PDB file of N, CA and C in Angstrom:
ATOM      1  N   MET A   1    -140.181 -21.761  88.880  1.00  0.00           N
ATOM      2  CA  MET A   1    -140.820 -20.848  87.891  1.00  0.00           C
ATOM      3  C   MET A   1    -142.143 -20.421  88.493  1.00  0.00           C
ATOM      4  N   GLY A   2    -142.406 -19.112  88.502  1.00  0.00           N
ATOM      5  CA  GLY A   2    -143.617 -18.570  89.149  1.00  0.00           C
ATOM      6  C   GLY A   2    -144.853 -18.908  88.416  1.00  0.00           C
ATOM      7  N   ALA A   3    -144.967 -18.543  87.186  1.00  0.00           N
ATOM      8  CA  ALA A   3    -146.187 -18.770  86.377  1.00  0.00           C
ATOM      9  C   ALA A   3    -146.154 -20.171  85.729  1.00  0.00           C
ATOM     10  N   LYS A   4    -147.302 -20.763  85.612  1.00  0.00           N
ATOM     11  CA  LYS A   4    -147.424 -22.053  84.941  1.00  0.00           C
ATOM     12  C   LYS A   4    -147.557 -21.770  83.431  1.00  0.00           C
ATOM     13  N   LEU A   5    -146.566 -22.158  82.684  1.00  0.00           N
ATOM     14  CA  LEU A   5    -146.512 -21.840  81.251  1.00  0.00           C
ATOM     15  C   LEU A   5    -146.710 -23.079  80.392  1.00  0.00           C
ATOM     16  N   SER A   6    -147.318 -22.913  79.227  1.00  0.00           N
ATOM     17  CA  SER A   6    -147.405 -24.001  78.281  1.00  0.00           C
ATOM     18  C   SER A   6    -146.049 -24.277  77.747  1.00  0.00           C
ATOM     19  N   GLU A   7    -145.887 -25.408  77.079  1.00  0.00           N
ATOM     20  CA  GLU A   7    -144.569 -25.781  76.490  1.00  0.00           C
ATOM     21  C   GLU A   7    -144.081 -24.723  75.502  1.00  0.00           C
ATOM     22  N   SER A   8    -145.021 -24.201  74.683  1.00  0.00           N
ATOM     23  CA  SER A   8    -144.558 -23.240  73.684  1.00  0.00           C
ATOM     24  C   SER A   8    -144.158 -21.922  74.318  1.00  0.00           C
ATOM     25  N   LYS A   9    -144.890 -21.482  75.345  1.00  0.00           N
ATOM     26  CA  LYS A   9    -144.520 -20.268  76.097  1.00  0.00           C
ATOM     27  C   LYS A   9    -143.237 -20.437  76.862  1.00  0.00           C
ATOM     28  N   LEU A  10    -142.976 -21.624  77.389  1.00  0.00           N
ATOM     29  CA  LEU A  10    -141.780 -21.883  78.104  1.00  0.00           C
ATOM     30  C   LEU A  10    -140.544 -21.834  77.113  1.00  0.00           C
ATOM     31  N   LYS A  11    -140.759 -22.369  75.898  1.00  0.00           N
ATOM     32  CA  LYS A  11    -139.691 -22.325  74.877  1.00  0.00           C
ATOM     33  C   LYS A  11    -139.431 -20.854  74.493  1.00  0.00           C
ATOM     34  N   GLU A  12    -140.531 -20.056  74.345  1.00  0.00           N
ATOM     35  CA  GLU A  12    -140.354 -18.659  74.028  1.00  0.00           C
ATOM     36  C   GLU A  12    -139.568 -17.908  75.124  1.00  0.00           C
ATOM     37  N   LEU A  13    -139.926 -18.207  76.413  1.00  0.00           N
ATOM     38  CA  LEU A  13    -139.325 -17.614  77.535  1.00  0.00           C
ATOM     39  C   LEU A  13    -137.806 -17.895  77.573  1.00  0.00           C
ATOM     40  N   ILE A  14    -137.459 -19.123  77.354  1.00  0.00           N
ATOM     41  CA  ILE A  14    -136.051 -19.563  77.296  1.00  0.00           C
ATOM     42  C   ILE A  14    -135.302 -18.833  76.197  1.00  0.00           C
ATOM     43  N   PHE A  15    -135.936 -18.766  74.978  1.00  0.00           N
ATOM     44  CA  PHE A  15    -135.326 -18.068  73.866  1.00  0.00           C
ATOM     45  C   PHE A  15    -135.104 -16.613  74.204  1.00  0.00           C
ATOM     46  N   LEU A  16    -136.153 -15.936  74.718  1.00  0.00           N
ATOM     47  CA  LEU A  16    -136.037 -14.513  75.073  1.00  0.00           C
ATOM     48  C   LEU A  16    -134.973 -14.290  76.132  1.00  0.00           C
ATOM     49  N   ASN A  17    -134.863 -15.196  77.094  1.00  0.00           N
ATOM     50  CA  ASN A  17    -133.870 -15.108  78.119  1.00  0.00           C
ATOM     51  C   ASN A  17    -132.415 -15.233  77.531  1.00  0.00           C
ATOM     52  N   ASP A  18    -132.231 -16.197  76.706  1.00  0.00           N
ATOM     53  CA  ASP A  18    -130.921 -16.436  76.051  1.00  0.00           C
ATOM     54  C   ASP A  18    -130.571 -15.226  75.179  1.00  0.00           C
ATOM     55  N   LEU A  19    -131.491 -14.744  74.439  1.00  0.00           N
ATOM     56  CA  LEU A  19    -131.252 -13.601  73.552  1.00  0.00           C
ATOM     57  C   LEU A  19    -130.940 -12.306  74.352  1.00  0.00           C
ATOM     58  N   THR A  20    -131.703 -12.129  75.388  1.00  0.00           N
ATOM     59  CA  THR A  20    -131.484 -10.934  76.204  1.00  0.00           C
ATOM     60  C   THR A  20    -130.119 -11.014  76.913  1.00  0.00           C
ATOM     61  N   LEU A  21    -129.770 -12.130  77.390  1.00  0.00           N
ATOM     62  CA  LEU A  21    -128.482 -12.330  78.046  1.00  0.00           C
ATOM     63  C   LEU A  21    -127.336 -12.090  77.079  1.00  0.00           C
ATOM     64  N   LEU A  22    -127.439 -12.630  75.856  1.00  0.00           N
ATOM     65  CA  LEU A  22    -126.338 -12.426  74.878  1.00  0.00           C
ATOM     66  C   LEU A  22    -126.146 -10.955  74.550  1.00  0.00           C
ATOM     67  N   ILE A  23    -127.240 -10.246  74.348  1.00  0.00           N
ATOM     68  CA  ILE A  23    -127.144  -8.820  74.010  1.00  0.00           C
ATOM     69  C   ILE A  23    -126.594  -8.021  75.208  1.00  0.00           C
ATOM     70  N   THR A  24    -127.140  -8.306  76.354  1.00  0.00           N
ATOM     71  CA  THR A  24    -126.679  -7.623  77.615  1.00  0.00           C
ATOM     72  C   THR A  24    -125.147  -7.903  77.878  1.00  0.00           C
ATOM     73  N   ASN A  25    -124.785  -9.129  77.739  1.00  0.00           N
ATOM     74  CA  ASN A  25    -123.336  -9.470  77.937  1.00  0.00           C
ATOM     75  C   ASN A  25    -122.460  -8.769  76.896  1.00  0.00           C
ATOM     76  N   TYR A  26    -122.959  -8.609  75.651  1.00  0.00           N
ATOM     77  CA  TYR A  26    -122.191  -7.878  74.651  1.00  0.00           C
ATOM     78  C   TYR A  26    -122.074  -6.419  75.040  1.00  0.00           C
ATOM     79  N   PHE A  27    -123.094  -5.805  75.476  1.00  0.00           N
ATOM     80  CA  PHE A  27    -123.047  -4.415  75.953  1.00  0.00           C
ATOM     81  C   PHE A  27    -122.005  -4.274  77.070  1.00  0.00           C
ATOM     82  N   ILE A  28    -122.053  -5.175  78.019  1.00  0.00           N
ATOM     83  CA  ILE A  28    -121.056  -5.106  79.132  1.00  0.00           C
ATOM     84  C   ILE A  28    -119.646  -5.328  78.595  1.00  0.00           C
ATOM     85  N   GLU A  29    -119.495  -6.211  77.645  1.00  0.00           N
ATOM     86  CA  GLU A  29    -118.163  -6.470  77.047  1.00  0.00           C
ATOM     87  C   GLU A  29    -117.591  -5.255  76.439  1.00  0.00           C
ATOM     88  N   ILE A  30    -118.440  -4.447  75.787  1.00  0.00           N
ATOM     89  CA  ILE A  30    -117.878  -3.234  75.132  1.00  0.00           C
ATOM     90  C   ILE A  30    -117.872  -2.036  76.021  1.00  0.00           C
ATOM     91  N   GLY A  31    -118.132  -2.230  77.339  1.00  0.00           N
ATOM     92  CA  GLY A  31    -117.931  -1.188  78.282  1.00  0.00           C
ATOM     93  C   GLY A  31    -119.205  -0.499  78.785  1.00  0.00           C
ATOM     94  N   GLU A  32    -120.351  -1.005  78.478  1.00  0.00           N
ATOM     95  CA  GLU A  32    -121.589  -0.398  79.010  1.00  0.00           C
ATOM     96  C   GLU A  32    -121.888  -1.028  80.389  1.00  0.00           C
ATOM     97  N   THR A  33    -121.247  -0.587  81.398  1.00  0.00           N
ATOM     98  CA  THR A  33    -121.340  -1.191  82.711  1.00  0.00           C
ATOM     99  C   THR A  33    -122.665  -0.881  83.427  1.00  0.00           C
ATOM    100  N   ASP A  34    -123.369   0.128  82.981  1.00  0.00           N
ATOM    101  CA  ASP A  34    -124.656   0.470  83.591  1.00  0.00           C
ATOM    102  C   ASP A  34    -125.720  -0.634  83.407  1.00  0.00           C
ATOM    103  N   LEU A  35    -125.420  -1.543  82.551  1.00  0.00           N
ATOM    104  CA  LEU A  35    -126.418  -2.656  82.313  1.00  0.00           C
ATOM    105  C   LEU A  35    -126.253  -3.878  83.238  1.00  0.00           C
ATOM    106  N   GLU A  36    -125.140  -3.856  84.005  1.00  0.00           N
ATOM    107  CA  GLU A  36    -124.906  -4.989  84.903  1.00  0.00           C
ATOM    108  C   GLU A  36    -126.046  -5.263  85.857  1.00  0.00           C
ATOM    109  N   VAL A  37    -126.779  -4.212  86.287  1.00  0.00           N
ATOM    110  CA  VAL A  37    -127.900  -4.397  87.209  1.00  0.00           C
ATOM    111  C   VAL A  37    -129.040  -5.119  86.539  1.00  0.00           C
ATOM    112  N   MET A  38    -129.057  -5.196  85.199  1.00  0.00           N
ATOM    113  CA  MET A  38    -130.131  -5.862  84.494  1.00  0.00           C
ATOM    114  C   MET A  38    -130.223  -7.331  84.739  1.00  0.00           C
ATOM    115  N   PHE A  39    -129.076  -7.931  85.150  1.00  0.00           N
ATOM    116  CA  PHE A  39    -129.060  -9.352  85.378  1.00  0.00           C
ATOM    117  C   PHE A  39    -130.050  -9.789  86.472  1.00  0.00           C
ATOM    118  N   GLU A  40    -130.198  -8.970  87.521  1.00  0.00           N
ATOM    119  CA  GLU A  40    -131.185  -9.288  88.547  1.00  0.00           C
ATOM    120  C   GLU A  40    -132.565  -9.263  87.998  1.00  0.00           C
ATOM    121  N   ASP A  41    -132.882  -8.244  87.183  1.00  0.00           N
ATOM    122  CA  ASP A  41    -134.211  -8.129  86.557  1.00  0.00           C
ATOM    123  C   ASP A  41    -134.470  -9.284  85.600  1.00  0.00           C
ATOM    124  N   ILE A  42    -133.470  -9.662  84.826  1.00  0.00           N
ATOM    125  CA  ILE A  42    -133.590 -10.768  83.878  1.00  0.00           C
ATOM    126  C   ILE A  42    -133.895 -12.034  84.602  1.00  0.00           C
ATOM    127  N   ASN A  43    -133.129 -12.341  85.664  1.00  0.00           N
ATOM    128  CA  ASN A  43    -133.374 -13.556  86.478  1.00  0.00           C
ATOM    129  C   ASN A  43    -134.741 -13.544  87.103  1.00  0.00           C
ATOM    130  N   LYS A  44    -135.145 -12.450  87.638  1.00  0.00           N
ATOM    131  CA  LYS A  44    -136.462 -12.312  88.278  1.00  0.00           C
ATOM    132  C   LYS A  44    -137.549 -12.566  87.228  1.00  0.00           C
ATOM    133  N   ALA A  45    -137.441 -11.927  86.067  1.00  0.00           N
ATOM    134  CA  ALA A  45    -138.435 -12.108  84.995  1.00  0.00           C
ATOM    135  C   ALA A  45    -138.491 -13.573  84.576  1.00  0.00           C
ATOM    136  N   PHE A  46    -137.314 -14.196  84.424  1.00  0.00           N
ATOM    137  CA  PHE A  46    -137.315 -15.581  84.011  1.00  0.00           C
ATOM    138  C   PHE A  46    -137.972 -16.519  85.050  1.00  0.00           C
ATOM    139  N   LYS A  47    -137.572 -16.320  86.354  1.00  0.00           N
ATOM    140  CA  LYS A  47    -138.138 -17.148  87.354  1.00  0.00           C
ATOM    141  C   LYS A  47    -139.648 -17.023  87.507  1.00  0.00           C
ATOM    142  N   ASN A  48    -140.170 -15.839  87.229  1.00  0.00           N
ATOM    143  CA  ASN A  48    -141.574 -15.569  87.357  1.00  0.00           C
ATOM    144  C   ASN A  48    -142.373 -15.778  86.054  1.00  0.00           C
ATOM    145  N   GLY A  49    -141.659 -16.049  84.978  1.00  0.00           N
ATOM    146  CA  GLY A  49    -142.338 -16.385  83.702  1.00  0.00           C
ATOM    147  C   GLY A  49    -142.936 -15.140  83.075  1.00  0.00           C
ATOM    148  N   TRP A  50    -142.286 -13.992  83.199  1.00  0.00           N
ATOM    149  CA  TRP A  50    -142.859 -12.732  82.652  1.00  0.00           C
ATOM    150  C   TRP A  50    -142.436 -12.533  81.218  1.00  0.00           C
ATOM    151  N   ILE A  51    -143.121 -13.184  80.324  1.00  0.00           N
ATOM    152  CA  ILE A  51    -142.806 -13.092  78.905  1.00  0.00           C
ATOM    153  C   ILE A  51    -142.994 -11.660  78.356  1.00  0.00           C
ATOM    154  N   ALA A  52    -144.065 -11.033  78.781  1.00  0.00           N
ATOM    155  CA  ALA A  52    -144.314  -9.670  78.279  1.00  0.00           C
ATOM    156  C   ALA A  52    -143.193  -8.728  78.693  1.00  0.00           C
ATOM    157  N   GLY A  53    -142.669  -8.887  79.888  1.00  0.00           N
ATOM    158  CA  GLY A  53    -141.560  -8.088  80.386  1.00  0.00           C
ATOM    159  C   GLY A  53    -140.329  -8.304  79.570  1.00  0.00           C
ATOM    160  N   PHE A  54    -140.092  -9.546  79.237  1.00  0.00           N
ATOM    161  CA  PHE A  54    -138.924  -9.901  78.414  1.00  0.00           C
ATOM    162  C   PHE A  54    -139.040  -9.249  77.036  1.00  0.00           C
ATOM    163  N   ARG A  55    -140.254  -9.314  76.440  1.00  0.00           N
ATOM    164  CA  ARG A  55    -140.422  -8.787  75.103  1.00  0.00           C
ATOM    165  C   ARG A  55    -140.187  -7.252  75.105  1.00  0.00           C
ATOM    166  N   GLU A  56    -140.704  -6.601  76.123  1.00  0.00           N
ATOM    167  CA  GLU A  56    -140.553  -5.154  76.266  1.00  0.00           C
ATOM    168  C   GLU A  56    -139.047  -4.803  76.459  1.00  0.00           C
ATOM    169  N   GLY A  57    -138.415  -5.474  77.381  1.00  0.00           N
ATOM    170  CA  GLY A  57    -137.001  -5.194  77.630  1.00  0.00           C
ATOM    171  C   GLY A  57    -136.127  -5.501  76.415  1.00  0.00           C
ATOM    172  N   LEU A  58    -136.420  -6.618  75.711  1.00  0.00           N
ATOM    173  CA  LEU A  58    -135.679  -6.956  74.521  1.00  0.00           C
ATOM    174  C   LEU A  58    -135.840  -5.898  73.416  1.00  0.00           C
ATOM    175  N   ASN A  59    -137.084  -5.388  73.285  1.00  0.00           N
ATOM    176  CA  ASN A  59    -137.269  -4.372  72.241  1.00  0.00           C
ATOM    177  C   ASN A  59    -136.450  -3.124  72.575  1.00  0.00           C
ATOM    178  N   ASP A  60    -136.341  -2.758  73.838  1.00  0.00           N
ATOM    179  CA  ASP A  60    -135.528  -1.638  74.243  1.00  0.00           C
ATOM    180  C   ASP A  60    -134.043  -1.905  73.979  1.00  0.00           C
ATOM    181  N   LEU A  61    -133.586  -3.119  74.260  1.00  0.00           N
ATOM    182  CA  LEU A  61    -132.179  -3.498  74.019  1.00  0.00           C
ATOM    183  C   LEU A  61    -131.862  -3.411  72.496  1.00  0.00           C
ATOM    184  N   ILE A  62    -132.796  -3.904  71.687  1.00  0.00           N
ATOM    185  CA  ILE A  62    -132.603  -3.896  70.212  1.00  0.00           C
ATOM    186  C   ILE A  62    -132.486  -2.473  69.719  1.00  0.00           C
ATOM    187  N   LEU A  63    -133.376  -1.582  70.186  1.00  0.00           N
ATOM    188  CA  LEU A  63    -133.270  -0.178  69.759  1.00  0.00           C
ATOM    189  C   LEU A  63    -131.954   0.471  70.212  1.00  0.00           C
ATOM    190  N   ASP A  64    -131.510   0.162  71.408  1.00  0.00           N
ATOM    191  CA  ASP A  64    -130.210   0.637  71.866  1.00  0.00           C
ATOM    192  C   ASP A  64    -129.063   0.123  71.069  1.00  0.00           C
ATOM    193  N   ALA A  65    -129.152  -1.172  70.728  1.00  0.00           N
ATOM    194  CA  ALA A  65    -128.081  -1.851  69.959  1.00  0.00           C
ATOM    195  C   ALA A  65    -127.980  -1.252  68.530  1.00  0.00           C
ATOM    196  N   LEU A  66    -129.133  -0.947  67.970  1.00  0.00           N
ATOM    197  CA  LEU A  66    -129.091  -0.371  66.609  1.00  0.00           C
ATOM    198  C   LEU A  66    -128.390   0.977  66.525  1.00  0.00           C
ATOM    199  N   GLU A  67    -128.146   1.578  67.681  1.00  0.00           N
ATOM    200  CA  GLU A  67    -127.437   2.864  67.696  1.00  0.00           C
ATOM    201  C   GLU A  67    -125.892   2.652  67.949  1.00  0.00           C
ATOM    202  N   LEU A  68    -125.437   1.423  68.043  1.00  0.00           N
ATOM    203  CA  LEU A  68    -124.033   1.144  68.254  1.00  0.00           C
ATOM    204  C   LEU A  68    -123.224   1.584  67.026  1.00  0.00           C
ATOM    205  N   PRO A  69    -121.928   1.890  67.186  1.00  0.00           N
ATOM    206  CA  PRO A  69    -121.080   2.180  66.050  1.00  0.00           C
ATOM    207  C   PRO A  69    -121.131   0.940  65.114  1.00  0.00           C
ATOM    208  N   THR A  70    -120.908   1.192  63.828  1.00  0.00           N
ATOM    209  CA  THR A  70    -121.004   0.134  62.814  1.00  0.00           C
ATOM    210  C   THR A  70    -120.227  -1.135  63.123  1.00  0.00           C
ATOM    211  N   ASP A  71    -119.013  -1.006  63.549  1.00  0.00           N
ATOM    212  CA  ASP A  71    -118.201  -2.202  63.844  1.00  0.00           C
ATOM    213  C   ASP A  71    -118.737  -2.996  64.959  1.00  0.00           C
ATOM    214  N   GLN A  72    -119.222  -2.326  66.042  1.00  0.00           N
ATOM    215  CA  GLN A  72    -119.828  -3.057  67.137  1.00  0.00           C
ATOM    216  C   GLN A  72    -121.149  -3.729  66.772  1.00  0.00           C
ATOM    217  N   LEU A  73    -121.950  -2.989  66.011  1.00  0.00           N
ATOM    218  CA  LEU A  73    -123.252  -3.478  65.537  1.00  0.00           C
ATOM    219  C   LEU A  73    -123.005  -4.745  64.680  1.00  0.00           C
ATOM    220  N   THR A  74    -122.014  -4.665  63.788  1.00  0.00           N
ATOM    221  CA  THR A  74    -121.714  -5.765  62.941  1.00  0.00           C
ATOM    222  C   THR A  74    -121.313  -6.997  63.713  1.00  0.00           C
ATOM    223  N   GLU A  75    -120.486  -6.788  64.727  1.00  0.00           N
ATOM    224  CA  GLU A  75    -120.014  -7.930  65.559  1.00  0.00           C
ATOM    225  C   GLU A  75    -121.194  -8.525  66.344  1.00  0.00           C
ATOM    226  N   LEU A  76    -122.062  -7.669  66.917  1.00  0.00           N
ATOM    227  CA  LEU A  76    -123.199  -8.193  67.688  1.00  0.00           C
ATOM    228  C   LEU A  76    -124.091  -8.997  66.711  1.00  0.00           C
ATOM    229  N   ASN A  77    -124.386  -8.423  65.562  1.00  0.00           N
ATOM    230  CA  ASN A  77    -125.214  -9.144  64.540  1.00  0.00           C
ATOM    231  C   ASN A  77    -124.608 -10.466  64.128  1.00  0.00           C
ATOM    232  N   ARG A  78    -123.293 -10.500  64.013  1.00  0.00           N
ATOM    233  CA  ARG A  78    -122.621 -11.752  63.619  1.00  0.00           C
ATOM    234  C   ARG A  78    -122.856 -12.805  64.713  1.00  0.00           C
ATOM    235  N   ARG A  79    -122.710 -12.389  65.988  1.00  0.00           N
ATOM    236  CA  ARG A  79    -122.905 -13.320  67.131  1.00  0.00           C
ATOM    237  C   ARG A  79    -124.353 -13.795  67.185  1.00  0.00           C
ATOM    238  N   LEU A  80    -125.310 -12.893  67.007  1.00  0.00           N
ATOM    239  CA  LEU A  80    -126.715 -13.235  66.986  1.00  0.00           C
ATOM    240  C   LEU A  80    -127.029 -14.226  65.865  1.00  0.00           C
ATOM    241  N   LYS A  81    -126.546 -13.910  64.697  1.00  0.00           N
ATOM    242  CA  LYS A  81    -126.804 -14.757  63.525  1.00  0.00           C
ATOM    243  C   LYS A  81    -126.248 -16.143  63.721  1.00  0.00           C
ATOM    244  N   GLU A  82    -125.053 -16.227  64.289  1.00  0.00           N
ATOM    245  CA  GLU A  82    -124.376 -17.477  64.575  1.00  0.00           C
ATOM    246  C   GLU A  82    -125.143 -18.282  65.574  1.00  0.00           C
ATOM    247  N   ARG A  83    -125.663 -17.688  66.653  1.00  0.00           N
ATOM    248  CA  ARG A  83    -126.316 -18.364  67.756  1.00  0.00           C
ATOM    249  C   ARG A  83    -127.804 -18.636  67.488  1.00  0.00           C
ATOM    250  N   PHE A  84    -128.506 -17.640  66.916  1.00  0.00           N
ATOM    251  CA  PHE A  84    -129.960 -17.724  66.773  1.00  0.00           C
ATOM    252  C   PHE A  84    -130.484 -17.759  65.315  1.00  0.00           C
ATOM    253  N   GLY A  85    -129.567 -17.507  64.350  1.00  0.00           N
ATOM    254  CA  GLY A  85    -130.014 -17.525  62.976  1.00  0.00           C
ATOM    255  C   GLY A  85    -130.692 -16.191  62.562  1.00  0.00           C
ATOM    256  N   LYS A  86    -130.719 -15.213  63.441  1.00  0.00           N
ATOM    257  CA  LYS A  86    -131.326 -13.957  63.219  1.00  0.00           C
ATOM    258  C   LYS A  86    -130.429 -12.814  63.721  1.00  0.00           C
ATOM    259  N   ASP A  87    -130.494 -11.687  63.099  1.00  0.00           N
ATOM    260  CA  ASP A  87    -129.752 -10.572  63.611  1.00  0.00           C
ATOM    261  C   ASP A  87    -130.719  -9.491  64.082  1.00  0.00           C
ATOM    262  N   LEU A  88    -130.212  -8.320  64.536  1.00  0.00           N
ATOM    263  CA  LEU A  88    -131.053  -7.263  65.076  1.00  0.00           C
ATOM    264  C   LEU A  88    -132.040  -6.748  64.050  1.00  0.00           C
ATOM    265  N   PHE A  89    -131.601  -6.684  62.799  1.00  0.00           N
ATOM    266  CA  PHE A  89    -132.532  -6.173  61.759  1.00  0.00           C
ATOM    267  C   PHE A  89    -133.662  -7.131  61.562  1.00  0.00           C
ATOM    268  N   ASP A  90    -133.453  -8.399  61.683  1.00  0.00           N
ATOM    269  CA  ASP A  90    -134.554  -9.370  61.546  1.00  0.00           C
ATOM    270  C   ASP A  90    -135.513  -9.291  62.736  1.00  0.00           C
ATOM    271  N   MET A  91    -135.002  -8.883  63.915  1.00  0.00           N
ATOM    272  CA  MET A  91    -135.816  -8.883  65.161  1.00  0.00           C
ATOM    273  C   MET A  91    -136.494  -7.560  65.398  1.00  0.00           C
ATOM    274  N   ASN A  92    -136.145  -6.482  64.707  1.00  0.00           N
ATOM    275  CA  ASN A  92    -136.727  -5.167  64.997  1.00  0.00           C
ATOM    276  C   ASN A  92    -138.023  -5.034  64.233  1.00  0.00           C
ATOM    277  N   LYS A  93    -139.128  -5.165  64.947  1.00  0.00           N
ATOM    278  CA  LYS A  93    -140.458  -5.103  64.349  1.00  0.00           C
ATOM    279  C   LYS A  93    -140.788  -3.720  63.798  1.00  0.00           C
ATOM    280  N   LYS A  94    -140.351  -2.695  64.491  1.00  0.00           N
ATOM    281  CA  LYS A  94    -140.613  -1.321  64.054  1.00  0.00           C
ATOM    282  C   LYS A  94    -139.917  -1.067  62.713  1.00  0.00           C
ATOM    283  N   LEU A  95    -138.671  -1.502  62.644  1.00  0.00           N
ATOM    284  CA  LEU A  95    -137.910  -1.318  61.399  1.00  0.00           C
ATOM    285  C   LEU A  95    -138.534  -2.083  60.293  1.00  0.00           C
ATOM    286  N   GLU A  96    -138.992  -3.295  60.590  1.00  0.00           N
ATOM    287  CA  GLU A  96    -139.645  -4.122  59.601  1.00  0.00           C
ATOM    288  C   GLU A  96    -140.905  -3.442  59.016  1.00  0.00           C
ATOM    289  N   LYS A  97    -141.673  -2.878  59.921  1.00  0.00           N
ATOM    290  CA  LYS A  97    -142.901  -2.174  59.503  1.00  0.00           C
ATOM    291  C   LYS A  97    -142.582  -1.010  58.594  1.00  0.00           C
ATOM    292  N   LYS A  98    -141.537  -0.261  58.958  1.00  0.00           N
ATOM    293  CA  LYS A  98    -141.138   0.893  58.135  1.00  0.00           C
ATOM    294  C   LYS A  98    -140.709   0.422  56.726  1.00  0.00           C
ATOM    295  N   ILE A  99    -139.937  -0.654  56.736  1.00  0.00           N
ATOM    296  CA  ILE A  99    -139.482  -1.171  55.423  1.00  0.00           C
ATOM    297  C   ILE A  99    -140.642  -1.640  54.576  1.00  0.00           C
ATOM    298  N   GLN A 100    -141.635  -2.305  55.195  1.00  0.00           N
ATOM    299  CA  GLN A 100    -142.775  -2.739  54.444  1.00  0.00           C
ATOM    300  C   GLN A 100    -143.600  -1.565  53.917  1.00  0.00           C
ATOM    301  N   ALA A 101    -143.721  -0.485  54.706  1.00  0.00           N
ATOM    302  CA  ALA A 101    -144.424   0.663  54.183  1.00  0.00           C
ATOM    303  C   ALA A 101    -143.728   1.327  53.037  1.00  0.00           C
ATOM    304  N   ILE A 102    -142.423   1.387  53.079  1.00  0.00           N
ATOM    305  CA  ILE A 102    -141.687   1.952  51.954  1.00  0.00           C
ATOM    306  C   ILE A 102    -141.874   1.098  50.736  1.00  0.00           C
ATOM    307  N   ILE A 103    -141.788  -0.162  50.888  1.00  0.00           N
ATOM    308  CA  ILE A 103    -141.984  -1.104  49.725  1.00  0.00           C
ATOM    309  C   ILE A 103    -143.384  -0.926  49.157  1.00  0.00           C
ATOM    310  N   LYS A 104    -144.375  -0.782  50.020  1.00  0.00           N
ATOM    311  CA  LYS A 104    -145.758  -0.624  49.568  1.00  0.00           C
ATOM    312  C   LYS A 104    -145.991   0.652  48.806  1.00  0.00           C
ATOM    313  N   ARG A 105    -145.445   1.766  49.292  1.00  0.00           N
ATOM    314  CA  ARG A 105    -145.642   3.049  48.585  1.00  0.00           C
ATOM    315  C   ARG A 105    -144.598   3.277  47.462  1.00  0.00           C
ATOM    316  N   LYS A 106    -143.566   2.440  47.412  1.00  0.00           N
ATOM    317  CA  LYS A 106    -142.528   2.437  46.406  1.00  0.00           C
ATOM    318  C   LYS A 106    -141.680   3.677  46.344  1.00  0.00           C
ATOM    319  N   LYS A 107    -141.544   4.380  47.518  1.00  0.00           N
ATOM    320  CA  LYS A 107    -140.589   5.500  47.552  1.00  0.00           C
ATOM    321  C   LYS A 107    -140.296   5.773  49.020  1.00  0.00           C
ATOM    322  N   VAL A 108    -139.124   6.415  49.191  1.00  0.00           N
ATOM    323  CA  VAL A 108    -138.633   6.855  50.505  1.00  0.00           C
ATOM    324  C   VAL A 108    -139.001   8.342  50.637  1.00  0.00           C
ATOM    325  N   ARG A 109    -139.648   8.708  51.768  1.00  0.00           N
ATOM    326  CA  ARG A 109    -140.050  10.094  51.954  1.00  0.00           C
ATOM    327  C   ARG A 109    -139.038  10.899  52.767  1.00  0.00           C
ATOM    328  N   ASN A 110    -138.154  10.284  53.487  1.00  0.00           N
ATOM    329  CA  ASN A 110    -137.183  11.010  54.312  1.00  0.00           C
ATOM    330  C   ASN A 110    -135.921  10.143  54.503  1.00  0.00           C
ATOM    331  N   ASP A 111    -134.943  10.729  55.243  1.00  0.00           N
ATOM    332  CA  ASP A 111    -133.711  10.001  55.475  1.00  0.00           C
ATOM    333  C   ASP A 111    -133.934   8.802  56.317  1.00  0.00           C
TER     334      ASP A 111
END
C-alpha cells in the first residue's frame, strides 16, 4: 500500500474498493464491456491508498447506475443491499440533498 493510512481510513478504502468492484462487475455482467479497463485503475487506486479517487469514481458509477433500466437497477440495488446494507439511493448524496430540500420547502417544483 502506497500511502500510510489510519485504521479507519483503511477500512473506508477497503469498503470503497469492494463497493466499486461490485458495481463495476455488475455493469460488465450486463454487457457494459467498456468498464473492463477500470480494474487497472481500481487496483492502482487501492494499492496507493487514493481514497479521494475512489470516492470520485464511485460517485460517477452511482450516477451511471441510476440511469439503468428499472429491472437492472432493482437487481443491482438488491445485491448492494444484501452485501452492504445500503442501495444506490442510500449512497447518492446529490439525490439525498435534493430530497431534503423538497422536504424542507414542502413541495416539488419540477419533474
